[in-house]
N, C-alpha and C. Protein backbone atom coordinates (compact mmCIF):
# COMPACT_ATOMS: atom_id res chain seq x y z
N MET A 1 -21.88 -4.54 -14.61
CA MET A 1 -21.49 -3.56 -15.61
C MET A 1 -20.80 -2.38 -14.92
N VAL A 2 -19.72 -1.93 -15.51
CA VAL A 2 -18.95 -0.82 -14.96
C VAL A 2 -19.48 0.48 -15.55
N ARG A 3 -19.84 1.40 -14.66
CA ARG A 3 -20.30 2.71 -15.12
C ARG A 3 -19.14 3.69 -15.14
N ARG A 4 -19.09 4.48 -16.17
CA ARG A 4 -18.05 5.49 -16.25
C ARG A 4 -18.68 6.85 -16.19
N ARG A 5 -18.07 7.72 -15.41
CA ARG A 5 -18.53 9.10 -15.35
C ARG A 5 -17.97 9.86 -16.53
N ARG A 6 -18.65 10.90 -16.88
CA ARG A 6 -18.21 11.72 -17.98
C ARG A 6 -16.79 12.23 -17.76
N GLY A 7 -15.97 12.14 -18.76
CA GLY A 7 -14.60 12.61 -18.66
C GLY A 7 -13.62 11.54 -18.25
N GLY A 8 -14.10 10.37 -17.85
CA GLY A 8 -13.21 9.29 -17.43
C GLY A 8 -12.28 8.84 -18.52
N ASP A 9 -12.75 8.85 -19.77
CA ASP A 9 -11.92 8.41 -20.88
C ASP A 9 -10.71 9.32 -21.06
N ASN A 10 -10.85 10.61 -20.76
CA ASN A 10 -9.70 11.52 -20.83
C ASN A 10 -8.62 11.10 -19.84
N TYR A 11 -9.02 10.62 -18.69
CA TYR A 11 -8.07 10.19 -17.68
C TYR A 11 -7.33 8.93 -18.13
N TYR A 12 -8.01 8.04 -18.84
CA TYR A 12 -7.34 6.85 -19.36
C TYR A 12 -6.22 7.25 -20.31
N ALA A 13 -6.49 8.19 -21.18
CA ALA A 13 -5.49 8.65 -22.13
C ALA A 13 -4.31 9.29 -21.38
N LEU A 14 -4.62 10.08 -20.36
CA LEU A 14 -3.55 10.72 -19.57
C LEU A 14 -2.71 9.69 -18.83
N LEU A 15 -3.35 8.67 -18.26
CA LEU A 15 -2.61 7.65 -17.54
C LEU A 15 -1.67 6.89 -18.46
N HIS A 16 -2.11 6.59 -19.66
CA HIS A 16 -1.25 5.89 -20.61
C HIS A 16 -0.10 6.78 -21.04
N GLY A 17 -0.35 8.08 -21.18
CA GLY A 17 0.71 9.02 -21.51
C GLY A 17 1.74 9.11 -20.39
N VAL A 18 1.27 9.09 -19.15
CA VAL A 18 2.16 9.14 -17.99
C VAL A 18 3.07 7.92 -17.98
N LEU A 19 2.52 6.76 -18.28
CA LEU A 19 3.32 5.54 -18.30
C LEU A 19 4.40 5.62 -19.37
N ALA A 20 4.05 6.16 -20.52
CA ALA A 20 5.03 6.29 -21.61
C ALA A 20 6.16 7.25 -21.23
N LYS A 21 5.83 8.30 -20.48
CA LYS A 21 6.83 9.29 -20.08
C LYS A 21 7.57 8.89 -18.79
N LYS A 22 7.03 7.91 -18.09
CA LYS A 22 7.61 7.45 -16.82
C LYS A 22 7.81 8.60 -15.83
N ASP A 23 6.72 9.31 -15.57
CA ASP A 23 6.78 10.48 -14.68
C ASP A 23 5.84 10.29 -13.50
N ILE A 24 6.39 9.99 -12.34
CA ILE A 24 5.59 9.72 -11.15
C ILE A 24 4.86 10.96 -10.66
N ALA A 25 5.42 12.14 -10.86
CA ALA A 25 4.75 13.37 -10.42
C ALA A 25 3.41 13.52 -11.11
N ASN A 26 3.32 13.15 -12.37
CA ASN A 26 2.06 13.24 -13.09
C ASN A 26 1.06 12.19 -12.61
N VAL A 27 1.54 11.04 -12.17
CA VAL A 27 0.63 10.03 -11.61
C VAL A 27 -0.02 10.58 -10.35
N ARG A 28 0.77 11.21 -9.50
CA ARG A 28 0.22 11.79 -8.27
C ARG A 28 -0.79 12.89 -8.59
N THR A 29 -0.49 13.71 -9.56
CA THR A 29 -1.42 14.77 -9.97
C THR A 29 -2.73 14.17 -10.48
N LEU A 30 -2.63 13.14 -11.29
CA LEU A 30 -3.83 12.48 -11.81
C LEU A 30 -4.62 11.83 -10.68
N HIS A 31 -3.94 11.26 -9.72
CA HIS A 31 -4.61 10.66 -8.56
C HIS A 31 -5.45 11.73 -7.85
N LEU A 32 -4.86 12.89 -7.64
CA LEU A 32 -5.59 13.98 -6.99
C LEU A 32 -6.79 14.43 -7.83
N LEU A 33 -6.62 14.49 -9.13
CA LEU A 33 -7.73 14.87 -10.01
C LEU A 33 -8.85 13.84 -9.98
N ILE A 34 -8.48 12.56 -9.90
CA ILE A 34 -9.48 11.50 -9.81
C ILE A 34 -10.31 11.69 -8.53
N VAL A 35 -9.64 12.02 -7.44
CA VAL A 35 -10.34 12.26 -6.17
C VAL A 35 -11.23 13.48 -6.28
N GLN A 36 -10.69 14.58 -6.79
CA GLN A 36 -11.44 15.84 -6.88
C GLN A 36 -12.67 15.72 -7.76
N HIS A 37 -12.58 14.95 -8.83
CA HIS A 37 -13.69 14.85 -9.78
C HIS A 37 -14.60 13.66 -9.51
N GLY A 38 -14.39 12.99 -8.39
CA GLY A 38 -15.28 11.91 -8.01
C GLY A 38 -15.19 10.68 -8.89
N LEU A 39 -14.04 10.43 -9.46
CA LEU A 39 -13.89 9.27 -10.34
C LEU A 39 -13.40 8.02 -9.61
N PHE A 40 -13.42 8.06 -8.28
CA PHE A 40 -13.04 6.88 -7.51
C PHE A 40 -14.05 5.74 -7.70
N PHE A 41 -15.18 6.04 -8.28
CA PHE A 41 -16.19 5.00 -8.50
C PHE A 41 -15.99 4.29 -9.83
N ASP A 42 -14.91 4.63 -10.54
CA ASP A 42 -14.56 3.94 -11.78
C ASP A 42 -13.46 2.93 -11.45
N PRO A 43 -13.83 1.66 -11.26
CA PRO A 43 -12.85 0.68 -10.80
C PRO A 43 -11.72 0.42 -11.80
N ILE A 44 -12.00 0.55 -13.07
CA ILE A 44 -10.96 0.30 -14.07
C ILE A 44 -9.93 1.43 -14.04
N LEU A 45 -10.39 2.65 -13.94
CA LEU A 45 -9.48 3.79 -13.84
C LEU A 45 -8.62 3.69 -12.59
N CYS A 46 -9.23 3.32 -11.48
CA CYS A 46 -8.48 3.17 -10.23
C CYS A 46 -7.47 2.03 -10.33
N SER A 47 -7.85 0.93 -10.96
CA SER A 47 -6.91 -0.19 -11.07
C SER A 47 -5.72 0.18 -11.95
N HIS A 48 -5.96 0.95 -13.00
CA HIS A 48 -4.84 1.42 -13.83
C HIS A 48 -3.90 2.30 -13.01
N THR A 49 -4.45 3.17 -12.20
CA THR A 49 -3.63 4.07 -11.40
C THR A 49 -2.84 3.28 -10.36
N ILE A 50 -3.46 2.29 -9.74
CA ILE A 50 -2.77 1.43 -8.77
C ILE A 50 -1.59 0.74 -9.46
N ARG A 51 -1.83 0.20 -10.64
CA ARG A 51 -0.76 -0.49 -11.37
C ARG A 51 0.36 0.47 -11.79
N LEU A 52 -0.01 1.70 -12.13
CA LEU A 52 1.01 2.70 -12.48
C LEU A 52 1.90 3.01 -11.29
N TYR A 53 1.28 3.25 -10.14
CA TYR A 53 2.08 3.49 -8.93
C TYR A 53 3.06 2.34 -8.71
N ALA A 54 2.55 1.13 -8.81
CA ALA A 54 3.39 -0.05 -8.58
C ALA A 54 4.50 -0.16 -9.62
N SER A 55 4.20 0.16 -10.86
CA SER A 55 5.22 0.06 -11.91
C SER A 55 6.38 1.02 -11.69
N PHE A 56 6.13 2.11 -10.97
CA PHE A 56 7.18 3.06 -10.63
C PHE A 56 7.85 2.71 -9.30
N GLY A 57 7.37 1.65 -8.65
CA GLY A 57 7.94 1.23 -7.38
C GLY A 57 7.31 1.87 -6.16
N TYR A 58 6.21 2.59 -6.33
CA TYR A 58 5.53 3.26 -5.23
C TYR A 58 4.40 2.37 -4.70
N ILE A 59 4.79 1.27 -4.08
CA ILE A 59 3.82 0.30 -3.58
C ILE A 59 2.95 0.91 -2.48
N SER A 60 3.55 1.71 -1.61
CA SER A 60 2.76 2.30 -0.53
C SER A 60 1.69 3.24 -1.08
N MET A 61 1.98 3.96 -2.15
CA MET A 61 0.98 4.84 -2.78
C MET A 61 -0.11 4.00 -3.45
N ALA A 62 0.27 2.91 -4.08
CA ALA A 62 -0.71 2.01 -4.71
C ALA A 62 -1.65 1.46 -3.64
N TYR A 63 -1.07 1.04 -2.53
CA TYR A 63 -1.85 0.49 -1.43
C TYR A 63 -2.76 1.56 -0.82
N GLN A 64 -2.23 2.76 -0.66
CA GLN A 64 -3.03 3.85 -0.09
C GLN A 64 -4.22 4.16 -1.01
N MET A 65 -3.99 4.17 -2.31
CA MET A 65 -5.09 4.43 -3.23
C MET A 65 -6.14 3.32 -3.13
N PHE A 66 -5.69 2.08 -3.04
CA PHE A 66 -6.61 0.96 -2.90
C PHE A 66 -7.50 1.14 -1.67
N LEU A 67 -6.91 1.57 -0.57
CA LEU A 67 -7.68 1.78 0.66
C LEU A 67 -8.67 2.93 0.55
N GLN A 68 -8.39 3.92 -0.31
CA GLN A 68 -9.27 5.08 -0.47
C GLN A 68 -10.49 4.78 -1.33
N ILE A 69 -10.46 3.73 -2.10
CA ILE A 69 -11.56 3.42 -3.01
C ILE A 69 -12.78 3.02 -2.18
N PRO A 70 -13.92 3.71 -2.39
CA PRO A 70 -15.11 3.44 -1.57
C PRO A 70 -15.66 2.02 -1.70
N SER A 71 -15.63 1.47 -2.88
CA SER A 71 -16.12 0.10 -3.06
C SER A 71 -15.18 -0.63 -4.02
N SER A 72 -14.43 -1.59 -3.45
CA SER A 72 -13.49 -2.31 -4.28
C SER A 72 -14.23 -3.29 -5.19
N SER A 73 -13.55 -3.63 -6.27
CA SER A 73 -14.13 -4.55 -7.26
C SER A 73 -13.07 -5.57 -7.64
N VAL A 74 -13.44 -6.46 -8.51
CA VAL A 74 -12.49 -7.46 -8.98
C VAL A 74 -11.31 -6.78 -9.67
N TYR A 75 -11.55 -5.64 -10.30
CA TYR A 75 -10.48 -4.91 -10.99
C TYR A 75 -9.46 -4.35 -10.00
N THR A 76 -9.96 -3.70 -8.96
CA THR A 76 -9.05 -3.08 -8.00
C THR A 76 -8.35 -4.13 -7.14
N TRP A 77 -9.07 -5.21 -6.77
CA TRP A 77 -8.43 -6.29 -6.03
C TRP A 77 -7.34 -6.94 -6.86
N SER A 78 -7.62 -7.17 -8.11
CA SER A 78 -6.63 -7.77 -9.00
C SER A 78 -5.40 -6.87 -9.13
N ALA A 79 -5.64 -5.57 -9.25
CA ALA A 79 -4.54 -4.62 -9.39
C ALA A 79 -3.65 -4.61 -8.15
N ILE A 80 -4.25 -4.58 -6.97
CA ILE A 80 -3.44 -4.51 -5.75
C ILE A 80 -2.74 -5.84 -5.47
N ILE A 81 -3.41 -6.94 -5.71
CA ILE A 81 -2.78 -8.24 -5.47
C ILE A 81 -1.61 -8.46 -6.41
N SER A 82 -1.79 -8.16 -7.69
CA SER A 82 -0.69 -8.34 -8.63
C SER A 82 0.45 -7.37 -8.34
N SER A 83 0.11 -6.15 -7.95
CA SER A 83 1.14 -5.16 -7.62
C SER A 83 1.95 -5.61 -6.41
N LEU A 84 1.27 -6.11 -5.39
CA LEU A 84 1.97 -6.55 -4.18
C LEU A 84 2.79 -7.81 -4.44
N SER A 85 2.30 -8.68 -5.31
CA SER A 85 3.03 -9.91 -5.59
C SER A 85 4.33 -9.64 -6.34
N HIS A 86 4.36 -8.56 -7.12
CA HIS A 86 5.57 -8.21 -7.87
C HIS A 86 6.51 -7.32 -7.06
N ALA A 87 6.03 -6.80 -5.96
CA ALA A 87 6.84 -5.88 -5.15
C ALA A 87 7.83 -6.65 -4.29
N LYS A 88 8.95 -6.02 -4.08
CA LYS A 88 10.00 -6.64 -3.27
C LYS A 88 9.54 -6.84 -1.83
N HIS A 89 8.85 -5.86 -1.27
CA HIS A 89 8.40 -5.93 0.12
C HIS A 89 6.87 -5.91 0.21
N GLY A 90 6.21 -6.44 -0.77
CA GLY A 90 4.75 -6.42 -0.80
C GLY A 90 4.10 -7.20 0.32
N HIS A 91 4.81 -8.18 0.87
CA HIS A 91 4.25 -9.00 1.94
C HIS A 91 3.89 -8.17 3.17
N ARG A 92 4.52 -7.01 3.35
CA ARG A 92 4.21 -6.15 4.50
C ARG A 92 2.78 -5.62 4.43
N PHE A 93 2.25 -5.42 3.23
CA PHE A 93 0.92 -4.85 3.07
C PHE A 93 -0.17 -5.92 3.06
N ILE A 94 0.17 -7.12 2.65
CA ILE A 94 -0.85 -8.16 2.49
C ILE A 94 -1.55 -8.47 3.81
N HIS A 95 -0.87 -8.37 4.92
CA HIS A 95 -1.48 -8.67 6.22
C HIS A 95 -2.59 -7.68 6.57
N ASN A 96 -2.56 -6.50 5.97
CA ASN A 96 -3.56 -5.47 6.28
C ASN A 96 -4.79 -5.50 5.38
N ILE A 97 -4.73 -6.28 4.33
CA ILE A 97 -5.85 -6.29 3.39
C ILE A 97 -6.99 -7.10 3.94
């Protein structure tokens, strides 16, 4: 069972809004807020953020976020694997996983 910390649902709404606006600066800001508020333990929120980075073409940021997650889950592994498989140069990161 996935536990969500209080306020996590607000981040989901913000992430979906960022995707609609296609604004990478807001993704980075949300990433920092996730770190500051200790929401790295929400695997679904982290997987959404990883996928957002990848959708904007920021594979290295998606990979960096994946590495920062204290305990990976099927959600975060799925997010990084699918992101790398769709990336033009994703094979460079797969060797490090």
